[in-house]
C-alpha atoms as a PDB file:
ATOM      1  CA  UNK A   1      11.952  -1.784  -0.499  1.00  0.00           C
ATOM      2  CA  UNK A   2       8.639  -3.094   0.793  1.00  0.00           C
ATOM      3  CA  UNK A   3       6.863  -5.671  -1.341  1.00  0.00           C
ATOM      4  CA  UNK A   4       3.139  -4.875  -1.324  1.00  0.00           C
ATOM      5  CA  UNK A   5       2.011  -7.431  -3.882  1.00  0.00           C
ATOM      6  CA  UNK A   6       3.182 -10.522  -5.667  1.00  0.00           C
ATOM      7  CA  UNK A   7       3.389 -10.730  -9.420  1.00  0.00           C
ATOM      8  CA  UNK A   8       2.268 -13.955 -11.072  1.00  0.00           C
ATOM      9  CA  UNK A   9       2.334 -14.043 -14.865  1.00  0.00           C
ATOM     10  CA  UNK A  10      -0.658 -16.363 -15.139  1.00  0.00           C
ATOM     11  CA  UNK A  11      -2.961 -14.115 -13.041  1.00  0.00           C
ATOM     12  CA  UNK A  12      -4.598 -10.859 -14.089  1.00  0.00           C
ATOM     13  CA  UNK A  13      -5.414  -9.699 -10.576  1.00  0.00           C
ATOM     14  CA  UNK A  14      -2.826  -8.751  -7.963  1.00  0.00           C
ATOM     15  CA  UNK A  15      -2.416 -10.498  -4.642  1.00  0.00           C
ATOM     16  CA  UNK A  16      -1.745  -7.798  -2.064  1.00  0.00           C
ATOM     17  CA  UNK A  17       0.480  -8.394   0.937  1.00  0.00           C
ATOM     18  CA  UNK A  18      -1.362  -6.817   3.882  1.00  0.00           C
ATOM     19  CA  UNK A  19       1.766  -6.687   6.047  1.00  0.00           C
ATOM     20  CA  UNK A  20       3.563  -4.746   3.307  1.00  0.00           C
ATOM     21  CA  UNK A  21       0.649  -2.350   2.861  1.00  0.00           C
ATOM     22  CA  UNK A  22       0.516  -1.758   6.615  1.00  0.00           C
ATOM     23  CA  UNK A  23       4.267  -1.069   6.648  1.00  0.00           C
ATOM     24  CA  UNK A  24       3.942   1.532   3.883  1.00  0.00           C
ATOM     25  CA  UNK A  25       0.953   3.121   5.632  1.00  0.00           C
ATOM     26  CA  UNK A  26       2.927   3.263   8.876  1.00  0.00           C
ATOM     27  CA  UNK A  27       5.807   5.105   7.193  1.00  0.00           C
ATOM     28  CA  UNK A  28       3.388   7.626   5.684  1.00  0.00           C
ATOM     29  CA  UNK A  29       1.607   8.074   9.025  1.00  0.00           C
ATOM     30  CA  UNK A  30       4.914   8.928  10.685  1.00  0.00           C
ATOM     31  CA  UNK A  31       5.700  11.652   8.140  1.00  0.00           C
ATOM     32  CA  UNK A  32       2.404  13.425   7.431  1.00  0.00           C
ATOM     33  CA  UNK A  33      -0.854  14.258   9.181  1.00  0.00           C
ATOM     34  CA  UNK A  34      -2.909  11.490   7.631  1.00  0.00           C
ATOM     35  CA  UNK A  35      -6.199  12.759   9.080  1.00  0.00           C
ATOM     36  CA  UNK A  36      -5.709  16.046   7.229  1.00  0.00           C
ATOM     37  CA  UNK A  37      -5.132  14.323   3.880  1.00  0.00           C
ATOM     38  CA  UNK A  38      -7.337  11.223   3.876  1.00  0.00           C
ATOM     39  CA  UNK A  39     -10.917  10.578   4.945  1.00  0.00           C
ATOM     40  CA  UNK A  40     -10.048   7.037   6.007  1.00  0.00           C
ATOM     41  CA  UNK A  41      -7.123   4.670   6.397  1.00  0.00           C
ATOM     42  CA  UNK A  42      -8.556   2.700   3.482  1.00  0.00           C
ATOM     43  CA  UNK A  43      -7.829   5.667   1.194  1.00  0.00           C
ATOM     44  CA  UNK A  44      -4.235   5.645   2.440  1.00  0.00           C
ATOM     45  CA  UNK A  45      -3.983   1.928   1.644  1.00  0.00           C
ATOM     46  CA  UNK A  46      -5.413   2.555  -1.836  1.00  0.00           C
ATOM     47  CA  UNK A  47      -2.678   5.134  -2.414  1.00  0.00           C
ATOM     48  CA  UNK A  48      -0.093   2.584  -1.291  1.00  0.00           C
ATOM     49  CA  UNK A  49      -1.546   0.034  -3.712  1.00  0.00           C
ATOM     50  CA  UNK A  50      -1.423   2.511  -6.585  1.00  0.00           C
ATOM     51  CA  UNK A  51       2.186   3.459  -5.942  1.00  0.00           C
ATOM     52  CA  UNK A  52       3.589   0.019  -5.236  1.00  0.00           C
ATOM     53  CA  UNK A  53       6.201  -1.914  -7.159  1.00  0.00           C
ATOM     54  CA  UNK A  54       6.158  -5.646  -7.815  1.00  0.00           C
ATOM     55  CA  UNK A  55       9.171  -7.776  -7.046  1.00  0.00           C
END
């Protein structure tokens, strides 16, 4: 499991781990044609953020 953000009970906003996001994006890039699905890598990272799980 790749940790893409850290959960802190006293904060409303999430702190994203860029290394974790890049790892998730890399896995996706190896399995699908990213250029055919996303207009930019930023959209891919947004998908990773939306599907992530806190540890």
